[in-house]
Amino acid sequence: MSYINFKGTVKKINLKSADETEITISIPAEELDGQYNTLQSMLELKVIGGLDSQIVTYKVMKNAKTGQPLTKYTVDNGGVVSVAKPEGEQLSMDLGLPPDKVEVKAEPEQIDLEVIQAFILSGLAQNFEDMDYDFQDIEQRLLDGETYLKIAADVDMGVGVFVVMVDEYRKRIAPLAAKWDEWRQGQAPVEPTAAGSVPGLDDSKADSEGGKQDGADPTADGEGEAGSSEDDQDGEGTEGEASGEAVQGESGEAGGADPADPAATDEVSKDALEAFILEDRPLFDDIEFNGQPIEFPALLELRLKENKTWKELAESNGMDRGQLAAKWSVYKKRAAKKMQGGGGAA
C-alpha cells in the first residue's frame, strides 16, 4: 500500500457536481522530498485522507473599553503558566468591595497548531475534569501520522465526537500556549531540534521543563500521536519527535546534537523500523538514563504487546514522559540509520 504525508495549503474548492468536489492543495517541494514517486503512483487511484488545519482559532474575552484581555497569565522559570489575578479585582477583594462590572466582548485570536502541540508535548498543558484523556499521547500519535479514526477507535469514541473534543481542548489551552510560547522565545538560544520534532523545543530545554512539570503540573503523558496507541506515540510514541521538545537529552543526544541522520526516519516506514528494533534490539550507550542505556526494544515490546502508555513506561523507569519522549526520538533516528546500514555506536 502506498502512503505519503505532507503539509500544504488549500488553494481551491470546486463543487463540480452534486456528487463530486474537487480540492486543490498546494504543497511545498520540500514536503514531497522522497515521496514524489509514491505520489505519482497514486494518480487516478482512489485514496483516503483528511485535512487538519494548522491554525487554531479561539476567542479571548476582552474589556470592551480598553481592549485588554480580562484574563492575564504569568509564567514561572520552569515554563508553568498560571492565571494572574487582575489588579482591580485583587484590590476589590482586599478592600471588601464588589468588583466593578465591565463590559466585555469576545474577539477571535489565532495561533499555529505547532505551538499548541509543542506546549502539550512539553507536559505543561493542563487537563480538565470534563476532558479526562491523554492529550499528550493523542497529539504525539497524530504527529506520527496516525489518523483520527484509529485513535478514536482506541479510546472507544466516534470519530466525529473525538475530533470535536480534540479541537475544543486545543482551543481551551490556546491562550496558555500563546503565553508559554512568548516565554519560550525569550529563553537563551538552543541547538535546532532534529527533523521530525516539534519546532521550538529541544531535549535540553525539555528536561528543565519536564522537571518542573512533575512537580507543577501532573497533567501530562502521552504521546500518542501523542501517545498511546500501540503505535507511536505509541510506538513511536514518546516520540520525541514530537516531543523532542519535552526533554532534555542528558548526554546531548537530543535535537540537533544527535549524530544520526535527521532524515533517516523519513526514509523507512514506522512498521519496518519497529520490526527492526524488536528483532535487532539495538542499544546505544549515549542514549541513557542514570548511566545505563535505555532498553527501548523492551519498552516498545511492552507498549505493543501489553498496551502500556509511554507515560506508564516512563514512570516505571523513574523518568517523566518528556524525558523518555526526547530520548525515544533520538533513539529512533539512530536505529533507522543503523537499519539502513549507517552504523551508529551500539
Protein backbone atom coordinates (compact mmCIF):
# COMPACT_ATOMS: atom_id res chain seq x y z
CA MET A 1 0.00 0.00 0.00
CA SER A 2 1.32 3.46 -0.91
CA TYR A 3 1.31 6.26 1.65
CA ILE A 4 2.60 9.83 1.83
CA ASN A 5 2.40 12.51 4.48
CA PHE A 6 2.64 16.26 3.87
CA LYS A 7 1.61 19.76 4.89
CA GLY A 8 0.14 22.13 2.34
CA THR A 9 -2.33 24.95 1.72
CA VAL A 10 -5.87 24.53 0.42
CA LYS A 11 -5.99 26.80 -2.63
CA LYS A 12 -9.28 25.99 -4.28
CA ILE A 13 -12.56 24.14 -3.69
CA ASN A 14 -14.59 23.38 -6.78
CA LEU A 15 -18.08 21.91 -6.39
CA LYS A 16 -18.06 20.18 -9.75
CA SER A 17 -21.41 18.49 -9.23
CA ALA A 18 -23.73 17.21 -6.55
CA ASP A 19 -21.64 14.06 -6.44
CA GLU A 20 -18.12 15.42 -6.79
CA THR A 21 -15.99 18.12 -5.18
CA GLU A 22 -12.52 18.99 -6.42
CA ILE A 23 -9.95 20.29 -3.94
CA THR A 24 -6.67 21.87 -4.99
CA ILE A 25 -3.85 21.71 -2.43
CA SER A 26 -0.52 23.47 -2.90
CA ILE A 27 2.36 21.50 -1.36
CA PRO A 28 5.89 22.92 -0.89
CA ALA A 29 8.51 20.93 -2.79
CA GLU A 30 10.38 20.01 0.39
CA GLU A 31 7.25 18.37 1.78
CA LEU A 32 7.30 15.84 -1.05
CA ASP A 33 11.03 15.24 -0.92
CA GLY A 34 11.48 11.50 -1.29
CA GLN A 35 7.74 10.97 -1.73
CA TYR A 36 7.09 12.27 -5.23
CA ASN A 37 7.36 8.89 -6.92
CA THR A 38 4.90 7.45 -4.42
CA LEU A 39 2.50 10.32 -5.07
CA GLN A 40 2.84 9.84 -8.80
CA SER A 41 1.97 6.15 -8.42
CA MET A 42 -1.36 7.19 -6.88
CA LEU A 43 -2.51 9.13 -9.93
CA GLU A 44 -6.09 8.18 -10.85
CA LEU A 45 -6.27 5.80 -7.87
CA LYS A 46 -8.73 6.04 -5.01
CA VAL A 47 -7.16 7.32 -1.80
CA ILE A 48 -8.30 8.16 1.70
CA GLY A 49 -7.15 11.19 3.62
CA GLY A 50 -8.04 14.02 5.92
CA LEU A 51 -7.23 17.69 6.37
CA ASP A 52 -6.19 19.12 9.73
CA SER A 53 -5.97 22.92 9.89
CA GLN A 54 -2.58 24.14 11.08
CA ILE A 55 -4.17 27.27 12.56
CA VAL A 56 -6.28 27.18 15.72
CA THR A 57 -8.80 29.99 16.18
CA TYR A 58 -10.04 30.70 19.69
CA LYS A 59 -11.89 33.51 21.43
CA VAL A 60 -10.46 35.89 24.00
CA MET A 61 -12.73 37.87 26.30
CA LYS A 62 -11.63 41.50 26.40
CA ASN A 63 -12.61 44.71 28.13
CA ALA A 64 -14.81 46.45 25.59
CA LYS A 65 -13.43 49.87 26.55
CA THR A 66 -9.72 49.18 26.85
CA GLY A 67 -9.42 46.23 24.50
CA GLN A 68 -7.32 44.41 27.10
CA PRO A 69 -7.89 40.69 27.82
CA LEU A 70 -9.83 40.04 31.01
CA THR A 71 -7.63 37.09 31.88
CA LYS A 72 -3.88 37.52 32.05
CA TYR A 73 -1.21 34.91 32.57
CA THR A 74 2.20 34.65 34.20
CA VAL A 75 4.95 32.13 33.50
CA ASP A 76 7.47 30.93 36.08
CA ASN A 77 11.07 29.96 35.42
CA GLY A 78 10.06 26.41 34.53
CA GLY A 79 7.53 27.44 31.90
CA VAL A 80 4.45 26.76 34.04
CA VAL A 81 1.64 29.12 33.06
CA SER A 82 -0.73 30.43 35.74
CA VAL A 83 -3.70 32.78 35.71
CA ALA A 84 -2.80 36.18 37.17
CA LYS A 85 -5.47 37.85 39.28
CA PRO A 86 -6.37 41.26 37.80
CA GLU A 87 -5.11 44.19 39.87
CA GLY A 88 -8.57 45.75 40.12
CA GLU A 89 -10.14 42.51 41.26
CA GLN A 90 -7.43 41.94 43.84
CA LEU A 91 -7.87 45.49 45.17
CA SER A 92 -11.63 44.98 45.46
CA MET A 93 -11.05 41.78 47.41
CA ASP A 94 -8.57 43.49 49.73
CA LEU A 95 -11.00 46.31 50.43
CA GLY A 96 -14.06 44.09 50.63
CA LEU A 97 -15.71 45.90 47.73
CA PRO A 98 -17.82 44.32 44.99
CA PRO A 99 -15.92 44.03 41.70
CA ASP A 100 -16.67 46.60 39.04
CA LYS A 101 -18.91 45.46 36.23
CA VAL A 102 -17.01 45.50 32.98
CA GLU A 103 -18.48 45.42 29.52
CA VAL A 104 -16.81 42.59 27.68
CA LYS A 105 -16.53 41.39 24.10
CA ALA A 106 -15.19 38.22 22.55
CA GLU A 107 -12.54 38.63 19.89
CA PRO A 108 -11.03 35.85 17.77
CA GLU A 109 -7.32 35.12 18.04
CA GLN A 110 -5.23 32.68 16.05
CA ILE A 111 -2.23 30.54 16.93
CA ASP A 112 -0.19 27.99 14.99
CA LEU A 113 -1.12 24.40 15.77
CA GLU A 114 2.60 23.63 16.09
CA VAL A 115 2.80 25.93 19.12
CA ILE A 116 -0.11 24.18 20.81
CA GLN A 117 1.35 20.76 20.03
CA ALA A 118 4.72 21.77 21.44
CA PHE A 119 3.02 23.10 24.58
CA ILE A 120 1.05 19.88 25.06
CA LEU A 121 4.07 17.67 24.48
CA SER A 122 6.15 19.71 26.91
CA GLY A 123 3.98 18.26 29.65
CA LEU A 124 2.95 21.71 30.88
CA ALA A 125 -0.55 21.85 29.44
CA GLN A 126 -3.32 21.31 31.95
CA ASN A 127 -6.07 18.70 31.86
CA PHE A 128 -9.75 19.30 32.52
CA GLU A 129 -12.15 17.16 34.55
CA ASP A 130 -14.65 17.01 31.71
CA MET A 131 -11.94 16.00 29.22
CA ASP A 132 -10.08 13.26 31.03
CA TYR A 133 -7.99 11.94 28.15
CA ASP A 134 -4.28 11.62 27.47
CA PHE A 135 -3.86 14.55 25.09
CA GLN A 136 -0.08 14.26 25.09
CA ASP A 137 -0.47 10.78 23.72
CA ILE A 138 -3.12 11.87 21.23
CA GLU A 139 -1.04 14.74 19.83
CA GLN A 140 2.05 12.58 19.58
CA ARG A 141 0.20 9.91 17.65
CA LEU A 142 -1.28 12.49 15.30
CA LEU A 143 2.19 13.89 14.69
CA ASP A 144 3.39 10.38 13.95
CA GLY A 145 0.85 10.08 11.18
CA GLU A 146 -1.94 8.11 12.84
CA THR A 147 -5.46 9.02 11.83
CA TYR A 148 -8.19 10.49 13.99
CA LEU A 149 -10.25 7.46 13.05
CA LYS A 150 -7.76 4.99 14.53
CA ILE A 151 -7.15 6.95 17.73
CA ALA A 152 -10.90 7.50 18.21
CA ALA A 153 -11.44 3.75 17.93
CA ASP A 154 -8.71 3.14 20.53
CA VAL A 155 -10.50 5.39 23.05
CA ASP A 156 -13.88 3.92 22.11
CA MET A 157 -15.31 7.15 20.73
CA GLY A 158 -16.99 8.12 17.46
CA VAL A 159 -14.53 9.90 15.19
CA GLY A 160 -16.77 12.97 14.84
CA VAL A 161 -17.09 13.39 18.61
CA PHE A 162 -13.38 12.71 19.03
CA VAL A 163 -12.35 15.40 16.53
CA VAL A 164 -14.61 17.95 18.23
CA MET A 165 -13.12 17.06 21.62
CA VAL A 166 -9.52 17.47 20.42
CA ASP A 167 -10.40 20.80 18.80
CA GLU A 168 -12.10 22.01 21.97
CA TYR A 169 -9.10 21.04 24.10
CA ARG A 170 -6.72 22.88 21.80
CA LYS A 171 -8.88 25.99 21.99
CA ARG A 172 -9.05 25.87 25.78
CA ILE A 173 -5.31 25.77 26.22
CA ALA A 174 -4.55 28.11 23.30
CA PRO A 175 -4.16 31.30 25.40
CA LEU A 176 -1.85 29.46 27.82
CA ALA A 177 0.14 28.06 24.90
CA ALA A 178 0.49 31.56 23.46
CA LYS A 179 1.87 32.88 26.75
CA TRP A 180 4.17 29.86 27.11
CA ASP A 181 5.43 30.44 23.59
CA GLU A 182 6.33 34.04 24.48
CA TRP A 183 8.28 32.74 27.47
CA ARG A 184 9.95 30.08 25.33
CA GLN A 185 11.04 32.60 22.70
CA GLY A 186 12.66 34.67 25.41
CA GLN A 187 14.89 31.84 26.61
CA ALA A 188 18.53 31.50 25.58
CA PRO A 189 19.03 30.21 22.02
CA VAL A 190 19.28 26.44 21.74
CA GLU A 191 20.52 23.98 19.16
CA PRO A 192 17.94 23.38 16.42
CA THR A 193 15.90 20.25 17.06
CA ALA A 194 16.23 17.14 14.97
CA ALA A 195 13.94 16.73 11.99
CA GLY A 196 10.58 15.41 13.00
CA SER A 197 10.45 17.13 16.35
CA VAL A 198 8.05 19.89 17.18
CA PRO A 199 9.68 23.25 16.40
CA GLY A 200 10.87 25.24 19.35
CA LEU A 201 11.70 22.54 21.84
CA ASP A 202 14.81 20.53 22.27
CA ASP A 203 15.86 17.92 24.70
CA SER A 204 17.96 20.03 26.91
CA LYS A 205 15.27 22.57 27.35
CA ALA A 206 12.72 19.98 27.86
CA ASP A 207 14.33 18.43 30.75
CA SER A 208 14.22 21.62 32.62
CA GLU A 209 10.61 21.93 31.70
CA GLY A 210 9.97 18.29 32.35
CA GLY A 211 11.41 18.54 35.81
CA LYS A 212 9.14 21.42 36.56
CA GLN A 213 6.26 19.60 35.10
CA ASP A 214 6.47 16.75 37.55
CA GLY A 215 6.12 18.99 40.50
CA ALA A 216 3.93 21.59 38.98
CA ASP A 217 1.61 20.10 36.52
CA PRO A 218 0.80 16.43 36.81
CA THR A 219 -1.33 16.54 33.77
CA ALA A 220 0.61 15.04 31.11
CA ASP A 221 1.57 11.96 29.44
CA GLY A 222 1.35 10.92 26.27
CA GLU A 223 2.31 10.61 23.24
CA GLY A 224 0.34 9.11 21.03
CA GLU A 225 0.02 10.50 18.18
CA ALA A 226 0.69 11.63 21.03
CA GLY A 227 0.78 8.73 22.60
CA SER A 228 -0.99 5.90 23.50
CA SER A 229 -1.94 3.52 20.98
CA GLU A 230 0.29 0.97 20.08
CA ASP A 231 1.82 2.98 17.71
CA ASP A 232 3.95 5.58 18.02
CA GLN A 233 3.27 7.60 20.15
CA ASP A 234 2.91 4.71 20.71
CA GLY A 235 5.35 3.04 19.27
CA GLU A 236 6.92 5.93 18.34
CA GLY A 237 5.48 7.43 20.87
CA THR A 238 7.13 9.16 23.11
CA GLU A 239 8.00 10.25 20.12
CA GLY A 240 10.15 12.60 20.99
CA GLU A 241 9.95 13.58 17.67
CA ALA A 242 7.32 15.43 18.63
CA SER A 243 8.38 15.70 21.88
CA GLY A 244 11.83 16.45 21.46
CA GLU A 245 10.67 19.40 22.99
CA ALA A 246 9.86 17.93 26.13
CA VAL A 247 13.03 16.66 27.27
CA GLN A 248 16.45 17.10 27.87
CA GLY A 249 18.80 14.76 26.43
CA GLU A 250 21.06 14.06 29.20
CA SER A 251 24.02 13.39 27.07
CA GLY A 252 23.30 15.89 24.43
CA GLU A 253 21.61 13.37 22.35
CA ALA A 254 18.64 15.46 21.73
CA GLY A 255 17.76 17.67 18.89
CA GLY A 256 20.44 18.68 16.54
CA ALA A 257 23.08 17.06 18.70
CA ASP A 258 22.18 13.60 17.56
CA PRO A 259 24.79 12.27 15.16
CA ALA A 260 22.22 10.22 13.31
CA ASP A 261 20.96 11.49 10.01
CA PRO A 262 17.84 13.55 10.89
CA ALA A 263 16.16 12.42 7.70
CA ALA A 264 16.73 8.75 8.41
CA THR A 265 13.33 8.05 9.92
CA ASP A 266 11.65 9.71 6.96
CA GLU A 267 13.11 7.05 4.67
CA VAL A 268 11.78 4.00 6.48
CA SER A 269 8.26 3.16 7.49
CA LYS A 270 7.21 3.11 11.13
CA ASP A 271 6.26 -0.56 10.95
CA ALA A 272 9.56 -1.53 9.36
CA LEU A 273 11.53 0.43 11.94
CA GLU A 274 9.62 -1.12 14.83
CA ALA A 275 10.16 -4.60 13.41
CA PHE A 276 13.90 -3.89 13.13
CA ILE A 277 14.06 -2.58 16.71
CA LEU A 278 12.24 -5.62 18.10
CA GLU A 279 14.36 -8.09 16.13
CA ASP A 280 17.82 -6.49 16.17
CA ARG A 281 17.29 -4.80 19.60
CA PRO A 282 19.96 -2.11 19.18
CA LEU A 283 21.12 -0.16 22.24
CA PHE A 284 23.26 2.99 22.31
CA ASP A 285 25.46 3.79 25.27
CA ASP A 286 24.96 7.55 24.96
CA ILE A 287 21.16 7.30 24.93
CA GLU A 288 20.95 6.55 28.60
CA PHE A 289 19.38 7.33 31.95
CA ASN A 290 21.27 7.22 35.23
CA GLY A 291 24.32 5.86 33.44
CA GLN A 292 22.55 2.88 31.83
CA PRO A 293 21.48 2.58 28.17
CA ILE A 294 17.71 2.83 27.86
CA GLU A 295 16.33 -0.51 26.65
CA PHE A 296 13.90 0.85 24.11
CA PRO A 297 13.37 -2.53 22.39
CA ALA A 298 11.95 -3.90 25.64
CA LEU A 299 9.87 -0.77 26.24
CA LEU A 300 8.49 -0.89 22.72
CA GLU A 301 7.60 -4.53 23.23
CA LEU A 302 5.64 -3.67 26.36
CA ARG A 303 4.00 -0.81 24.51
CA LEU A 304 2.78 -3.00 21.69
CA LYS A 305 2.04 -6.26 23.47
CA GLU A 306 0.65 -5.01 26.77
CA ASN A 307 -0.80 -1.72 25.53
CA LYS A 308 1.28 0.26 28.02
CA THR A 309 1.29 4.03 27.62
CA TRP A 310 4.60 5.83 27.32
CA LYS A 311 3.72 7.70 30.49
CA GLU A 312 3.43 4.41 32.37
CA LEU A 313 6.70 3.18 30.90
CA ALA A 314 8.47 6.42 31.76
CA GLU A 315 7.25 6.38 35.36
CA SER A 316 8.16 2.72 35.81
CA ASN A 317 11.72 3.63 34.84
CA GLY A 318 11.98 6.71 37.04
CA MET A 319 11.58 9.27 34.24
CA ASP A 320 8.93 11.79 33.31
CA ARG A 321 7.21 11.39 30.00
CA GLY A 322 9.08 14.31 28.46
CA GLN A 323 12.49 12.82 29.17
CA LEU A 324 11.56 9.49 27.66
CA ALA A 325 9.99 11.21 24.66
CA ALA A 326 13.05 13.13 23.59
CA LYS A 327 15.33 10.17 24.09
CA TRP A 328 13.00 7.97 22.05
CA SER A 329 13.14 10.50 19.23
CA VAL A 330 16.92 10.35 19.18
CA TYR A 331 16.90 6.56 19.52
CA LYS A 332 14.57 6.11 16.54
CA LYS A 333 16.75 8.19 14.28
CA ARG A 334 19.86 6.31 15.37
CA ALA A 335 18.10 2.96 14.92
CA ALA A 336 16.85 3.99 11.48
CA LYS A 337 20.37 4.89 10.42
CA LYS A 338 21.65 1.55 11.71
CA MET A 339 18.85 -0.24 9.88
CA GLN A 340 19.92 1.42 6.64
CA GLY A 341 23.48 0.28 7.18
CA GLY A 342 24.77 3.56 8.56
CA GLY A 343 26.03 2.01 11.76
CA GLY A 344 25.89 4.17 14.84
CA ALA A 345 27.60 3.19 18.05
CA ALA A 346 25.63 0.43 19.65
